[in-house]
Each structure stands twice: as C-alpha cells, then as structure tokens.
C-alpha cells in the first residue's frame, strides 16, 4: 500500500503539525554531504562511542550521526539526536526503537555504525550527515536490501535506495527562477561563487532558464578574493541593461559585498529583479539596502518556529537548523510503521507520488534518491522575509 494523502498527514499528529530548507543555508548547512553545513568538512574524529537507544518499540531503526566528530558537526549531531527523541515523544504511540550509532564523522565509521545497526535488526537507516558517509552507509545497507534516508545536501550521495531528506541547493535555484518567469522575467544575468555550491546552483539555474524559455545574457563566476569578486561584479554590471533579473546565490557574508559593488557599478540596479537561494535567509541579507526587494526560495518558516519552541521547552536550548531533518525522518518512519504494514520501507512506499508532510512542508523522494520539496518564495525587506509565493501544500503530477 502506498503512502497516500492519509499517510502524508500521518507523519505528524503533533509531530504531525505540518511543518521536515534551509536551507542549504543552515547556519550549519551541510558540507559536501551531510546536511550540508556550508564550509563544514568531514574530519577525522575520536573513535565512535556507544549511544543508548531511544524508544522501546518493536521495529528497529538505525540513526547514524557524527556524535564525536570535531567542531560544528558534533553540535549538529547532538541537536539532531535530541530532535529524534522529541519526534518519538510527540508521535502517538510509536512502535519503533532508534538504534543511535556514532560514525565519528568519517566514512569508515559510518560503514561500521551502519553494519552494527543492521546486525542489531535495523529495518531502515536514518543518516549519516556527510556525503561520503552517506555513500558508505548506503553500500553497507544495500548489501542487505535496506533503505537509507541520509542528511547530506550533496545530491551525488543519492542513489536508488539511498534517499536524501536534506535541502538541496538546486531546488532553491529552480523554484526562484520558475517564479521569476511567472512574473514576466525572461532575460537573466548571474553572478555565482566559484566553488562546489556554485557549480550545483549554476547547473540548476541554466537548466531551468532553458526549460522555461528564458535566456542567460551574462554569467560570471567569482573567486573568494575581494579583487576577483569586484571584477566579476563589474563585468556583470555591464550586461545588466540586457537583463531583467540577476541571480546572485551565495553566502550571506559575501552576497552583500557583491550587491554593494553592483550598485556602485550599475546605478539602475533597482530596475533588475535580484534572485537568491535559501542561503539568503540571514539578518545580514535583510539589513543590506542594495538587496531590498530581492526574492529567494526557502521553506515556510512557520513549522520551524513551532518546532524550535517545543525543542527549547524540552532541552533548554535552540536547535540547529538541520535538526528538523532528524525530527521528520523519525516521524516519517514511525508513521510508515503505523500505516504501511510489511511494505513500510519499500521503494514503492518511500517514493509515493503524493509525498509526505513535515516540519518544513511537503517533500517527496524520487527514484534516484534526491528529493523534491515545496518551497516558498520570499521577498527581502528590512523587517525580515515577506512571503510573495506560498509553498504548495501538496504535489501535483509525478516527481519531476
């Protein structure tokens, strides 16, 4: 039985208060893998440690996190482990037990942790966080015909049977470009960081513009040094008279600098619609005069605010932005155990066209392992984000 609309709603009763973006922009966004934490890299770590299971249900679920990795990764892992515990607490009589395993933040640890969880009877694996660790976990799980729901934002870690629940930066680019075209924008310029993140959003940007019948009149990649940034901005500024939208994805530390340089080089910048990604969801963006009125794609924030309030009440601290991924992964598995019988974790169930609903809105997995999410488009204002196009509450048609 596929997870249809009733199962969608089932992902969270309380935990099912809709609400699993982003944002590739999590203050910790995921690194070349794991819920990608922009700039965070998988590092060597202390030997994995034993962690007590959560819950006492009959169905065992592996939860693989870098609990003893160094730096921000361990902080994110602990917050995600807490969110998983909160999900079980809020779900109505969950029949699952989470086998929490520490992968130490490296692929070898992920493979060993996954193997241990499988040996203890895990029917599905949630995590790990980093891309290479997701791949390693997937190899171990596939040998047993077990599915993985990973937390990396690197789409290359996905494959048949290895699904990514994270916020994929290419989804941001696709959503904001499609919205811009719906508002009459047809000619696009782009100023994109020359790094792995930029490569991903550039490909999605080009593909989407071509698919919707637009054209790219100028595209420049900018390096990390200030002189290189300014030169790339000046070159794009020369092409702006031919464009009616400018795609400017990037880190909230860099984008305001680029916007200021563009404003100095192109006095008519306000004539051009600025477009960004979920990384723009940051106070530094909202405070920058040159970015006022810009659009970017992001999850609906209402679900996260409610989740964060409940998390603080239980744990006395704020969750990391990626914590919703663990919450939703656990809520999803609990709902499928409750509603889908023996086919609960089959490919047919996990890739149901109707998808599922979580903290950050609706999502669904594609057969190749990547996901599709319902994202909002919001406008940058000095008072914060202002929704101009609400996130869809359900999917129409098959996964693209």
Protein backbone atom coordinates (compact mmCIF):
# COMPACT_ATOMS: atom_id res chain seq x y z
CA UNK A 1 0.00 0.00 0.00
CA UNK A 2 1.47 3.33 -0.99
CA UNK A 3 1.74 6.24 1.42
CA UNK A 4 -1.10 8.35 0.13
CA UNK A 5 -2.67 11.52 1.49
CA UNK A 6 -3.67 9.89 4.78
CA UNK A 7 -0.14 8.70 5.37
CA UNK A 8 1.12 12.15 4.47
CA UNK A 9 -0.94 13.71 7.19
CA UNK A 10 0.14 10.91 9.46
CA UNK A 11 3.75 11.89 9.58
CA UNK A 12 2.97 14.08 12.43
CA UNK A 13 0.00 14.43 14.66
CA UNK A 14 1.75 16.72 16.92
CA UNK A 15 4.85 15.77 15.20
CA UNK A 16 2.32 15.91 12.51
CA UNK A 17 1.73 19.57 12.88
CA UNK A 18 3.00 20.23 9.43
CA UNK A 19 5.79 21.76 9.37
CA UNK A 20 10.51 18.30 7.81
CA UNK A 21 15.08 24.39 3.93
CA UNK A 22 17.04 25.52 4.53
CA UNK A 23 18.34 25.84 3.88
CA UNK A 24 21.36 24.94 2.10
CA UNK A 25 21.58 27.79 4.36
CA UNK A 26 21.56 26.31 7.67
CA UNK A 27 23.86 28.31 9.81
CA UNK A 28 25.31 24.93 9.58
CA UNK A 29 24.37 23.93 6.09
CA UNK A 30 25.63 20.60 5.18
CA UNK A 31 29.02 20.03 3.86
CA UNK A 32 29.70 18.19 0.76
CA UNK A 33 27.38 15.85 2.26
CA UNK A 34 25.64 15.63 5.45
CA UNK A 35 23.05 18.05 5.90
CA UNK A 36 25.44 20.21 4.29
CA UNK A 37 26.85 22.77 6.53
CA UNK A 38 28.31 25.28 4.13
CA UNK A 39 32.01 25.27 4.72
CA UNK A 40 31.94 22.40 7.23
CA UNK A 41 34.07 19.44 6.18
CA UNK A 42 34.14 15.86 7.37
CA UNK A 43 37.16 15.40 9.63
CA UNK A 44 38.93 12.62 11.45
CA UNK A 45 37.45 12.13 14.91
CA UNK A 46 37.72 10.17 18.16
CA UNK A 47 36.68 6.51 17.97
CA UNK A 48 32.89 6.12 17.72
CA UNK A 49 31.21 5.71 21.07
CA UNK A 50 28.22 3.70 22.18
CA UNK A 51 25.00 5.69 22.50
CA UNK A 52 21.87 4.42 24.25
CA UNK A 53 18.82 3.62 22.07
CA UNK A 54 15.74 5.82 22.10
CA UNK A 55 12.31 4.26 22.49
CA UNK A 56 11.25 0.67 23.06
CA UNK A 57 9.16 -0.21 20.00
CA UNK A 58 9.38 -3.48 18.10
CA UNK A 59 10.63 -2.02 14.81
CA UNK A 60 14.30 -1.08 14.97
CA UNK A 61 15.62 1.94 13.07
CA UNK A 62 19.27 2.92 12.81
CA UNK A 63 20.14 6.59 13.42
CA UNK A 64 23.73 7.34 12.32
CA UNK A 65 25.22 10.70 13.39
CA UNK A 66 28.74 12.15 13.90
CA UNK A 67 28.35 12.49 17.65
CA UNK A 68 32.08 12.56 18.36
CA UNK A 69 33.21 14.47 15.29
CA UNK A 70 35.00 17.76 15.84
CA UNK A 71 33.59 21.27 15.75
CA UNK A 72 30.12 22.13 14.47
CA UNK A 73 29.42 18.63 13.23
CA UNK A 74 29.16 17.21 16.75
CA UNK A 75 26.96 20.14 17.80
CA UNK A 76 24.64 19.48 14.87
CA UNK A 77 24.64 15.74 15.60
CA UNK A 78 23.59 16.20 19.22
CA UNK A 79 20.81 18.60 18.24
CA UNK A 80 19.58 16.12 15.62
CA UNK A 81 19.67 13.30 18.17
CA UNK A 82 17.58 15.48 20.51
CA UNK A 83 15.12 16.22 17.71
CA UNK A 84 14.76 12.50 17.05
CA UNK A 85 13.90 11.98 20.72
CA UNK A 86 11.36 14.82 20.55
CA UNK A 87 9.75 13.24 17.48
CA UNK A 88 9.23 9.94 19.31
CA UNK A 89 7.82 11.76 22.32
CA UNK A 90 5.30 13.68 20.20
CA UNK A 91 4.24 10.84 17.93
CA UNK A 92 1.16 8.92 19.02
CA UNK A 93 2.39 5.52 20.34
CA UNK A 94 5.37 5.00 18.01
CA UNK A 95 6.28 1.33 17.59
CA UNK A 96 9.94 1.98 16.83
CA UNK A 97 13.24 1.88 18.66
CA UNK A 98 16.05 4.13 17.47
CA UNK A 99 19.45 2.47 17.49
CA UNK A 100 21.65 5.56 17.83
CA UNK A 101 25.13 5.00 16.37
CA UNK A 102 28.13 7.33 16.27
CA UNK A 103 30.07 7.35 13.00
CA UNK A 104 32.83 9.67 14.22
CA UNK A 105 32.28 11.93 11.21
CA UNK A 106 34.04 9.70 8.67
CA UNK A 107 33.05 7.11 6.03
CA UNK A 108 34.72 4.14 7.73
CA UNK A 109 32.89 4.94 10.94
CA UNK A 110 29.62 5.30 9.02
CA UNK A 111 30.03 1.92 7.39
CA UNK A 112 30.84 0.26 10.72
CA UNK A 113 27.97 2.01 12.51
CA UNK A 114 25.53 1.01 9.78
CA UNK A 115 26.73 -2.58 9.87
CA UNK A 116 26.27 -2.66 13.64
CA UNK A 117 22.74 -1.25 13.39
CA UNK A 118 21.85 -3.82 10.72
CA UNK A 119 23.28 -6.64 12.83
CA UNK A 120 21.01 -5.47 15.66
CA UNK A 121 17.96 -5.68 13.41
CA UNK A 122 17.54 -2.20 11.90
CA UNK A 123 14.96 -2.20 9.07
CA UNK A 124 15.97 1.23 7.75
CA UNK A 125 18.90 3.61 8.30
CA UNK A 126 18.49 7.35 9.02
CA UNK A 127 21.62 9.45 8.38
CA UNK A 128 24.55 9.92 8.20
CA UNK A 129 25.29 13.63 7.87
CA UNK A 130 28.24 13.86 5.44
CA UNK A 131 28.11 12.89 1.77
CA UNK A 132 30.91 10.33 1.80
CA UNK A 133 29.49 8.82 4.97
CA UNK A 134 26.06 8.53 3.33
CA UNK A 135 27.65 6.68 0.41
CA UNK A 136 29.49 4.33 2.79
CA UNK A 137 26.33 3.67 4.81
CA UNK A 138 24.42 3.05 1.59
CA UNK A 139 26.90 0.42 0.45
CA UNK A 140 26.53 -1.47 3.73
CA UNK A 141 22.73 -1.17 3.72
CA UNK A 142 22.25 -2.16 0.07
CA UNK A 143 24.05 -5.42 0.72
CA UNK A 144 21.10 -6.26 3.00
CA UNK A 145 18.45 -4.67 0.75
CA UNK A 146 17.83 -1.96 3.38
CA UNK A 147 16.98 1.66 2.51
CA UNK A 148 18.84 4.72 3.78
CA UNK A 149 17.44 8.21 4.36
CA UNK A 150 20.52 10.43 4.52
CA UNK A 151 21.00 14.04 5.58
CA UNK A 152 23.58 15.26 3.03
CA UNK A 153 22.91 18.21 0.75
CA UNK A 154 25.22 16.75 -1.89
CA UNK A 155 22.95 15.16 -4.48
CA UNK A 156 25.80 12.94 -5.70
CA UNK A 157 25.40 10.92 -2.49
CA UNK A 158 21.89 9.85 -3.55
CA UNK A 159 21.14 6.67 -5.46
CA UNK A 160 18.45 4.05 -5.83
CA UNK A 161 17.68 3.04 -2.25
CA UNK A 162 19.69 5.90 -0.72
CA UNK A 163 17.35 8.87 -0.31
CA UNK A 164 18.27 12.39 0.76
CA UNK A 165 15.91 14.28 3.05
CA UNK A 166 18.04 17.43 3.17
CA UNK A 167 17.56 20.79 1.46
CA UNK A 168 19.20 20.59 -1.94
CA UNK A 169 20.52 23.93 -3.25
CA UNK A 170 19.45 23.12 -6.80
CA UNK A 171 15.83 23.11 -5.61
CA UNK A 172 16.19 26.72 -4.43
CA UNK A 173 17.53 27.81 -7.81
CA UNK A 174 14.77 26.04 -9.72
CA UNK A 175 11.96 27.44 -7.58
CA UNK A 176 13.08 31.08 -7.66
CA UNK A 177 13.76 31.07 -11.41
CA UNK A 178 10.39 29.49 -12.16
CA UNK A 179 8.68 32.13 -10.01
CA UNK A 180 10.60 34.94 -11.72
CA UNK A 181 9.46 33.69 -15.13
CA UNK A 182 5.87 33.53 -13.88
CA UNK A 183 6.24 37.23 -13.05
CA UNK A 184 7.39 38.12 -16.55
CA UNK A 185 11.18 37.87 -16.22
CA UNK A 186 12.81 36.37 -19.29
CA UNK A 187 16.41 37.60 -19.54
CA UNK A 188 18.77 36.53 -16.79
CA UNK A 189 22.24 37.51 -15.66
CA UNK A 190 24.06 35.59 -12.94
CA UNK A 191 26.92 36.17 -10.54
CA UNK A 192 27.83 32.85 -8.95
CA UNK A 193 30.54 31.76 -6.46
CA UNK A 194 33.33 29.71 -7.99
CA UNK A 195 33.05 26.72 -5.66
CA UNK A 196 31.20 23.40 -5.34
CA UNK A 197 27.99 25.10 -4.17
CA UNK A 198 28.17 27.48 -7.10
CA UNK A 199 28.64 24.63 -9.57
CA UNK A 200 25.46 22.96 -8.32
CA UNK A 201 23.27 26.07 -8.43
CA UNK A 202 24.73 27.15 -11.79
CA UNK A 203 23.69 23.87 -13.40
CA UNK A 204 20.17 24.11 -11.97
CA UNK A 205 19.93 27.78 -12.99
CA UNK A 206 20.95 27.13 -16.59
CA UNK A 207 18.70 24.09 -16.94
CA UNK A 208 15.67 25.88 -15.51
CA UNK A 209 16.11 29.04 -17.58
CA UNK A 210 16.38 26.93 -20.74
CA UNK A 211 13.38 24.77 -19.80
CA UNK A 212 11.07 27.74 -19.19
CA UNK A 213 12.09 29.54 -22.38
CA UNK A 214 14.29 32.25 -20.87
CA UNK A 215 17.80 33.24 -21.82
CA UNK A 216 21.05 33.84 -19.96
CA UNK A 217 22.58 37.11 -21.17
CA UNK A 218 25.61 37.03 -18.86
CA UNK A 219 27.09 34.70 -16.25
CA UNK A 220 30.23 35.26 -14.22
CA UNK A 221 31.85 33.06 -11.57
CA UNK A 222 33.56 34.98 -8.78
CA UNK A 223 36.51 33.75 -6.66
CA UNK A 224 36.89 34.16 -2.91
CA UNK A 225 39.31 37.12 -3.05
CA UNK A 226 37.83 40.61 -2.90
CA UNK A 227 39.51 41.91 -6.06
CA UNK A 228 38.23 38.95 -8.06
CA UNK A 229 34.73 39.47 -6.67
CA UNK A 230 34.70 43.12 -7.67
CA UNK A 231 35.97 42.45 -11.16
CA UNK A 232 33.30 39.76 -11.77
CA UNK A 233 30.62 42.13 -10.45
CA UNK A 234 31.76 44.92 -12.77
CA UNK A 235 31.63 42.59 -15.79
CA UNK A 236 28.08 41.51 -14.96
CA UNK A 237 27.06 45.13 -14.36
CA UNK A 238 27.93 45.92 -17.98
CA UNK A 239 25.38 43.33 -19.16
CA UNK A 240 22.54 44.36 -16.83
CA UNK A 241 20.84 46.64 -19.40
CA UNK A 242 20.02 43.44 -21.31
CA UNK A 243 18.65 41.61 -18.25
CA UNK A 244 15.51 41.88 -16.19
CA UNK A 245 16.67 39.52 -13.41
CA UNK A 246 20.00 38.82 -11.72
CA UNK A 247 20.70 35.53 -9.96
CA UNK A 248 23.07 36.13 -7.03
CA UNK A 249 23.39 32.97 -4.90
CA UNK A 250 25.99 32.72 -2.17
CA UNK A 251 26.99 33.03 1.44
CA UNK A 252 25.38 35.88 3.45
CA UNK A 253 28.87 37.19 4.24
CA UNK A 254 29.68 37.60 0.55
CA UNK A 255 26.38 38.47 -1.16
CA UNK A 256 26.03 41.94 0.49
CA UNK A 257 29.54 42.83 -0.70
CA UNK A 258 28.68 41.75 -4.24
CA UNK A 259 25.41 43.70 -4.10
CA UNK A 260 27.19 46.87 -2.96
CA UNK A 261 29.74 46.52 -5.77
CA UNK A 262 26.97 46.01 -8.30
CA UNK A 263 25.04 49.01 -7.01
CA UNK A 264 28.13 51.21 -7.44
CA UNK A 265 28.80 49.90 -10.95
CA UNK A 266 25.17 49.83 -12.13
CA UNK A 267 23.11 52.82 -10.95
CA UNK A 268 19.98 51.23 -12.42
CA UNK A 269 20.38 48.01 -10.39
CA UNK A 270 16.94 48.55 -8.81
CA UNK A 271 15.41 48.02 -12.26
CA UNK A 272 16.65 44.43 -12.20
CA UNK A 273 14.96 41.79 -10.03
CA UNK A 274 17.53 40.20 -7.71
CA UNK A 275 17.21 36.46 -7.11
CA UNK A 276 18.86 34.31 -4.45
CA UNK A 277 18.74 30.96 -2.69
CA UNK A 278 17.94 29.79 0.82
CA UNK A 279 21.37 31.00 1.98
CA UNK A 280 19.83 34.47 1.87
CA UNK A 281 17.70 33.71 4.92
CA UNK A 282 20.02 35.69 7.17
CA UNK A 283 19.85 39.01 9.00
CA UNK A 284 22.86 40.32 7.07
CA UNK A 285 20.84 39.99 3.86
CA UNK A 286 17.77 41.71 5.29
CA UNK A 287 19.91 44.59 6.55
CA UNK A 288 21.60 45.30 3.20
CA UNK A 289 19.90 48.22 1.32
CA UNK A 290 21.10 47.01 -2.09
CA UNK A 291 19.26 43.68 -1.61
CA UNK A 292 15.88 45.08 -0.60
CA UNK A 293 13.11 43.62 -2.74
CA UNK A 294 15.15 40.59 -3.79
CA UNK A 295 13.46 37.18 -4.00
CA UNK A 296 14.72 33.85 -2.75
CA UNK A 297 13.31 30.36 -2.20
CA UNK A 298 13.04 28.82 1.25
CA UNK A 299 10.81 26.52 3.30
CA UNK A 300 7.78 28.02 5.03
CA UNK A 301 9.18 29.21 8.36
CA UNK A 302 6.05 28.68 10.48
CA UNK A 303 6.67 24.97 11.06
CA UNK A 304 10.24 25.53 12.16
CA UNK A 305 9.26 28.26 14.63
CA UNK A 306 6.77 25.92 16.29
CA UNK A 307 9.30 23.09 16.35
CA UNK A 308 12.02 25.33 17.82
CA UNK A 309 9.69 26.46 20.59
CA UNK A 310 8.92 22.87 21.59
CA UNK A 311 12.59 21.91 21.33
CA UNK A 312 13.61 24.76 23.64
CA UNK A 313 10.96 23.77 26.16
CA UNK A 314 12.35 20.23 26.31
CA UNK A 315 16.10 20.77 26.00
CA UNK A 316 16.61 24.35 27.20
CA UNK A 317 18.49 25.47 24.09
CA UNK A 318 17.90 26.33 20.46
CA UNK A 319 18.07 23.56 17.85
CA UNK A 320 20.42 23.77 14.88
CA UNK A 321 18.50 24.40 11.67
CA UNK A 322 19.22 20.88 10.43
CA UNK A 323 17.52 19.31 13.45
CA UNK A 324 14.20 19.24 11.60
CA UNK A 325 15.64 16.63 9.25
CA UNK A 326 16.11 14.14 12.07
CA UNK A 327 12.70 15.00 13.51
CA UNK A 328 10.99 14.43 10.17
CA UNK A 329 12.94 11.27 9.36
CA UNK A 330 11.87 9.72 12.66
CA UNK A 331 8.27 10.94 12.31
CA UNK A 332 8.15 9.52 8.80
CA UNK A 333 9.42 6.09 9.83
CA UNK A 334 7.01 5.98 12.77
CA UNK A 335 4.09 6.91 10.51
CA UNK A 336 5.02 4.30 7.91
CA UNK A 337 5.32 1.61 10.58
CA UNK A 338 1.86 2.55 11.80
CA UNK A 339 0.17 2.71 8.40
CA UNK A 340 2.02 0.71 5.75
CA UNK A 341 2.44 -2.80 7.14
CA UNK A 342 5.14 -5.07 5.68
CA UNK A 343 5.77 -2.63 2.79
CA UNK A 344 6.56 0.24 5.15
CA UNK A 345 10.10 0.88 3.91
CA UNK A 346 9.83 -0.43 0.35
CA UNK A 347 10.90 1.73 -2.58
CA UNK A 348 7.26 1.95 -3.69
CA UNK A 349 6.22 3.38 -0.33
CA UNK A 350 9.16 5.76 0.06
CA UNK A 351 8.77 7.18 -3.46
CA UNK A 352 4.99 7.65 -3.28
CA UNK A 353 3.97 10.41 -5.71
CA UNK A 354 1.80 12.09 -3.08
CA UNK A 355 4.83 12.52 -0.84
CA UNK A 356 4.84 13.42 2.83
CA UNK A 357 4.47 16.44 5.06
CA UNK A 358 6.97 17.55 7.68
CA UNK A 359 8.15 20.47 9.76
CA UNK A 360 9.31 22.42 6.70
CA UNK A 361 6.43 21.48 4.41
CA UNK A 362 5.76 18.81 1.82
CA UNK A 363 8.50 16.64 0.34
CA UNK A 364 8.84 13.50 -1.73
CA UNK A 365 11.66 11.21 -2.75
CA UNK A 366 12.47 10.45 -6.37
CA UNK A 367 13.56 7.01 -7.51
CA UNK A 368 17.15 8.25 -7.94
CA UNK A 369 17.29 9.23 -4.26
CA UNK A 370 17.07 13.02 -4.47
CA UNK A 371 14.04 14.85 -3.15
CA UNK A 372 11.53 17.43 -4.24
CA UNK A 373 10.28 19.98 -1.72
CA UNK A 374 7.50 22.50 -1.60
CA UNK A 375 9.28 25.85 -1.15
CA UNK A 376 8.04 29.40 -0.66
CA UNK A 377 9.41 32.44 -2.45
CA UNK A 378 10.02 35.34 -0.10
CA UNK A 379 10.97 38.99 -0.55
CA UNK A 380 13.86 40.61 1.28
CA UNK A 381 12.73 43.50 3.48
CA UNK A 382 14.45 45.34 6.32
CA UNK A 383 11.91 43.75 8.65
CA UNK A 384 12.72 40.21 7.55
CA UNK A 385 11.30 37.76 4.98
CA UNK A 386 7.93 38.52 3.37
CA UNK A 387 6.22 35.68 1.50
CA UNK A 388 5.31 36.50 -2.10
CA UNK A 389 4.51 32.95 -3.24
CA UNK A 390 3.43 30.41 -0.59
CA UNK A 391 4.83 26.90 -0.57
CA UNK A 392 2.47 24.33 -2.08
CA UNK A 393 0.64 22.17 0.44
CA UNK A 394 0.54 19.15 -1.86
CA UNK A 395 2.22 17.90 -5.03
CA UNK A 396 0.56 17.68 -8.42
CA UNK A 397 1.74 15.23 -11.04
CA UNK A 398 4.64 12.81 -10.81
CA UNK A 399 8.04 13.72 -9.42
CA UNK A 400 10.00 15.72 -11.97
